[in-house]
Amino acid sequence: SVLLDEGMVRQDPETSRYSIGIELYRLANIAAAKAPIRRVALKHMRRLVDACNETALLAIYDRSRLEMIFVATVESSHPLRYVIELNQWLPVHVGAPGLAIMAFLPPEEIAAVIERTRLSPVTNLSITEPYRLEIELEKIRKKGCASTKGQLIPGATGLAAPIFGAGGEVVGDVSLTIPEQRLAQDGEAKLLELLMECTARITEEMGGRRAVMQAAE
């Protein structure tokens, strides 16, 4: 009844069932806007989008859930672009945004993700074999960023680079999701360079650093 009085929940007069109220949404949005990683990342994401005119997304990783969530976006001006829903839990074993996080997790955490998800595919291009996944993760560690085609969204190229916290742990990433027909063959390298510069600045401003990784067994 207190939550109802404060507008945190609302009650359907016919069924008497409760649902989330507008006030709770308002407070959640205020809290999200004040989150340090979001506040720091957005200004650098805007500079990234100014430079490449592709939509940028900020993902945060939750270690307890072994999943990620997109919490902010900066849109491009292209009429053809992908609109990604925010605040939805997503797996980290498919697509560039997830793999750029998963590659820098401790070996035991990678194993836990594989066990929990069974590498269930999202599209027919998703990686479903553990040995192929480890090969891909090792490439990402060496390169410092991820690039995939059609693993999360059919017809889309995903590019992502990780963000690290003060203890060297990966805390999230910034990604670009681009229609394949708009990405020139020689354009991916430049976009990845811009993306890694963006996440390096975010990591630095947050007082983060990349930890030395050990290969997963």
Protein backbone atom coordinates (compact mmCIF):
# COMPACT_ATOMS: atom_id res chain seq x y z
CA SER A 1 0.00 0.00 0.00
CA VAL A 2 2.94 2.34 0.69
CA LEU A 3 4.39 1.64 -2.77
CA LEU A 4 0.94 2.27 -4.26
CA ASP A 5 0.61 5.59 -2.43
CA GLU A 6 4.05 6.68 -3.66
CA GLY A 7 3.30 5.74 -7.26
CA MET A 8 5.94 2.99 -7.28
CA VAL A 9 3.33 0.42 -8.31
CA ARG A 10 -0.16 0.60 -9.73
CA GLN A 11 -3.11 -1.73 -9.25
CA ASP A 12 -5.51 -2.89 -11.93
CA PRO A 13 -9.03 -2.15 -10.59
CA GLU A 14 -10.51 -5.19 -12.33
CA THR A 15 -7.91 -7.89 -11.57
CA SER A 16 -6.32 -6.28 -8.45
CA ARG A 17 -2.93 -7.27 -9.87
CA TYR A 18 0.05 -4.94 -9.44
CA SER A 19 2.49 -3.60 -12.03
CA ILE A 20 5.42 -1.17 -11.98
CA GLY A 21 4.37 2.46 -11.57
CA ILE A 22 5.58 5.60 -13.36
CA GLU A 23 7.42 6.90 -10.28
CA LEU A 24 9.59 3.78 -10.12
CA TYR A 25 10.45 4.22 -13.80
CA ARG A 26 11.34 7.85 -13.11
CA LEU A 27 13.66 6.99 -10.22
CA ALA A 28 15.25 4.14 -12.20
CA ASN A 29 16.03 6.51 -15.08
CA ILE A 30 17.53 9.08 -12.69
CA ALA A 31 19.72 6.40 -11.10
CA ALA A 32 20.81 5.09 -14.52
CA ALA A 33 21.69 8.60 -15.70
CA LYS A 34 23.92 9.08 -12.65
CA ALA A 35 25.75 5.76 -13.02
CA PRO A 36 29.49 6.59 -13.31
CA ILE A 37 30.18 4.41 -16.37
CA ARG A 38 27.18 5.80 -18.24
CA ARG A 39 28.02 9.39 -17.39
CA VAL A 40 31.65 8.98 -18.42
CA ALA A 41 30.94 6.92 -21.52
CA LEU A 42 28.27 9.07 -23.15
CA LYS A 43 30.51 12.03 -23.95
CA HIS A 44 33.10 9.78 -25.56
CA MET A 45 30.39 7.88 -27.44
CA ARG A 46 29.09 11.16 -28.86
CA ARG A 47 32.57 11.96 -30.16
CA LEU A 48 32.75 8.47 -31.67
CA VAL A 49 29.41 8.91 -33.46
CA ASP A 50 30.45 12.37 -34.65
CA ALA A 51 33.52 10.75 -36.23
CA CYS A 52 31.85 7.72 -37.84
CA ASN A 53 28.10 8.48 -37.95
CA GLU A 54 27.16 4.98 -36.80
CA THR A 55 25.00 4.19 -33.78
CA ALA A 56 27.00 3.44 -30.62
CA LEU A 57 25.76 1.33 -27.71
CA LEU A 58 27.03 1.03 -24.15
CA ALA A 59 26.74 -2.39 -22.51
CA ILE A 60 27.34 -3.24 -18.85
CA TYR A 61 28.19 -6.77 -17.70
CA ASP A 62 26.61 -8.37 -14.62
CA ARG A 63 28.80 -11.05 -13.05
CA SER A 64 26.01 -12.55 -10.98
CA ARG A 65 23.81 -13.11 -14.03
CA LEU A 66 26.64 -13.78 -16.51
CA GLU A 67 24.76 -11.51 -18.90
CA MET A 68 25.00 -7.97 -20.24
CA ILE A 69 22.54 -5.14 -20.69
CA PHE A 70 22.56 -2.14 -23.04
CA VAL A 71 22.09 0.97 -20.92
CA ALA A 72 22.73 3.86 -23.33
CA THR A 73 22.85 4.64 -27.03
CA VAL A 74 23.93 7.50 -29.28
CA GLU A 75 22.11 7.33 -32.61
CA SER A 76 23.54 7.95 -36.08
CA SER A 77 21.77 10.20 -38.58
CA HIS A 78 21.45 7.44 -41.20
CA PRO A 79 17.82 6.63 -42.10
CA LEU A 80 18.83 2.95 -42.29
CA ARG A 81 20.05 1.86 -38.87
CA TYR A 82 19.32 -0.74 -36.24
CA VAL A 83 17.32 0.32 -33.20
CA ILE A 84 18.38 -1.81 -30.23
CA GLU A 85 16.11 -2.03 -27.20
CA LEU A 86 17.78 -0.92 -23.99
CA ASN A 87 17.52 -2.48 -20.54
CA GLN A 88 17.05 -6.05 -21.74
CA TRP A 89 19.31 -8.85 -20.48
CA LEU A 90 21.36 -10.39 -23.29
CA PRO A 91 23.83 -13.29 -23.53
CA VAL A 92 27.56 -12.65 -23.89
CA HIS A 93 28.40 -15.73 -25.99
CA VAL A 94 27.05 -14.35 -29.28
CA GLY A 95 27.71 -11.16 -31.24
CA ALA A 96 30.51 -8.63 -30.96
CA PRO A 97 29.08 -6.77 -27.91
CA GLY A 98 28.98 -10.00 -25.91
CA LEU A 99 32.20 -11.56 -27.16
CA ALA A 100 34.21 -8.37 -26.47
CA ILE A 101 33.21 -8.85 -22.82
CA MET A 102 33.45 -12.65 -22.66
CA ALA A 103 36.99 -12.71 -24.09
CA PHE A 104 38.31 -10.84 -21.04
CA LEU A 105 36.52 -12.82 -18.34
CA PRO A 106 38.46 -15.20 -16.07
CA PRO A 107 38.63 -18.79 -17.42
CA GLU A 108 36.25 -20.10 -14.76
CA GLU A 109 33.70 -17.44 -15.64
CA ILE A 110 33.94 -18.28 -19.34
CA ALA A 111 33.31 -21.92 -18.44
CA ALA A 112 30.28 -20.88 -16.37
CA VAL A 113 28.83 -18.92 -19.29
CA ILE A 114 29.27 -21.92 -21.59
CA GLU A 115 27.69 -24.26 -19.05
CA ARG A 116 24.73 -21.97 -18.40
CA THR A 117 23.97 -21.08 -22.03
CA ARG A 118 25.03 -24.33 -23.74
CA LEU A 119 26.07 -21.88 -26.47
CA SER A 120 22.48 -21.67 -27.65
CA PRO A 121 22.45 -19.82 -31.03
CA VAL A 122 20.62 -16.56 -31.69
CA THR A 123 21.05 -16.74 -35.48
CA ASN A 124 22.39 -19.45 -37.80
CA LEU A 125 25.76 -17.68 -37.72
CA SER A 126 26.15 -17.81 -33.93
CA ILE A 127 29.10 -19.86 -32.66
CA THR A 128 27.84 -23.04 -31.00
CA GLU A 129 31.01 -25.15 -30.61
CA PRO A 130 33.24 -24.50 -27.55
CA TYR A 131 36.49 -24.99 -29.49
CA ARG A 132 35.43 -22.46 -32.16
CA LEU A 133 34.38 -20.03 -29.45
CA GLU A 134 37.77 -20.24 -27.71
CA ILE A 135 39.57 -19.62 -31.01
CA GLU A 136 37.42 -16.52 -31.51
CA LEU A 137 37.96 -15.30 -27.95
CA GLU A 138 41.73 -15.66 -28.30
CA LYS A 139 41.63 -13.57 -31.49
CA ILE A 140 39.69 -10.89 -29.64
CA ARG A 141 42.19 -10.86 -26.74
CA LYS A 142 45.10 -10.39 -29.13
CA LYS A 143 43.34 -7.74 -31.22
CA GLY A 144 41.69 -5.96 -28.30
CA CYS A 145 38.29 -5.78 -30.00
CA ALA A 146 35.58 -7.96 -31.58
CA SER A 147 34.08 -8.06 -35.07
CA THR A 148 31.21 -10.34 -36.08
CA LYS A 149 28.75 -10.66 -38.94
CA GLY A 150 25.16 -11.74 -38.42
CA GLN A 151 25.71 -13.49 -35.07
CA LEU A 152 23.24 -11.36 -33.14
CA ILE A 153 21.23 -9.60 -35.87
CA PRO A 154 20.95 -11.07 -39.40
CA GLY A 155 22.54 -8.78 -41.98
CA ALA A 156 24.43 -6.70 -39.40
CA THR A 157 28.12 -6.29 -38.71
CA GLY A 158 28.92 -5.86 -35.04
CA LEU A 159 32.07 -4.17 -33.74
CA ALA A 160 32.88 -3.84 -30.04
CA ALA A 161 35.72 -2.93 -27.67
CA PRO A 162 35.85 -3.58 -23.91
CA ILE A 163 35.88 -1.18 -20.97
CA PHE A 164 37.93 -2.11 -17.89
CA GLY A 165 37.50 -1.24 -14.22
CA ALA A 166 40.04 -0.22 -11.60
CA GLY A 167 40.90 -3.83 -10.79
CA GLY A 168 41.57 -4.70 -14.41
CA GLU A 169 38.26 -6.54 -14.78
CA VAL A 170 36.06 -6.05 -17.83
CA VAL A 171 32.94 -4.08 -16.85
CA GLY A 172 31.27 -3.58 -20.22
CA ASP A 173 31.92 -2.33 -23.73
CA VAL A 174 30.97 0.07 -26.49
CA SER A 175 29.74 -1.37 -29.77
CA LEU A 176 28.66 -0.33 -33.24
CA THR A 177 25.97 -2.28 -35.13
CA ILE A 178 26.09 -1.52 -38.86
CA PRO A 179 24.10 -2.77 -41.88
CA GLU A 180 26.52 -4.95 -43.89
CA GLN A 181 25.76 -3.14 -47.15
CA ARG A 182 27.00 0.17 -45.69
CA LEU A 183 30.32 -1.13 -44.37
CA ALA A 184 33.09 -0.86 -46.96
CA GLN A 185 35.79 -3.53 -46.92
CA ASP A 186 38.45 -1.05 -45.89
CA GLY A 187 36.17 0.77 -43.46
CA GLU A 188 36.10 -1.78 -40.66
CA ALA A 189 39.71 -1.23 -39.59
CA LYS A 190 39.15 2.52 -39.21
CA LEU A 191 35.94 2.01 -37.23
CA LEU A 192 37.66 -0.44 -34.89
CA GLU A 193 40.47 2.06 -34.37
CA LEU A 194 37.97 4.79 -33.45
CA LEU A 195 36.09 2.37 -31.20
CA MET A 196 39.21 1.30 -29.30
CA GLU A 197 40.23 4.93 -28.83
CA CYS A 198 36.75 5.61 -27.39
CA THR A 199 36.84 2.75 -24.87
CA ALA A 200 40.46 3.49 -23.93
CA ARG A 201 39.42 7.02 -22.96
CA ILE A 202 36.45 5.72 -20.96
CA THR A 203 38.65 3.18 -19.16
CA GLU A 204 41.27 5.83 -18.39
CA GLU A 205 38.76 8.37 -17.09
CA MET A 206 37.21 5.72 -14.83
CA GLY A 207 40.61 4.87 -13.42
CA GLY A 208 40.55 1.47 -15.04
CA ARG A 209 43.20 -0.70 -16.58
CA ARG A 210 43.33 -3.88 -18.63
CA ALA A 211 44.52 -6.88 -16.62
CA VAL A 212 47.00 -9.39 -17.98
CA MET A 213 44.94 -12.27 -19.31
CA GLN A 214 45.64 -15.95 -18.93
CA ALA A 215 44.41 -18.31 -21.61
CA ALA A 216 41.26 -20.25 -20.77
CA GLU A 217 41.71 -23.98 -20.60
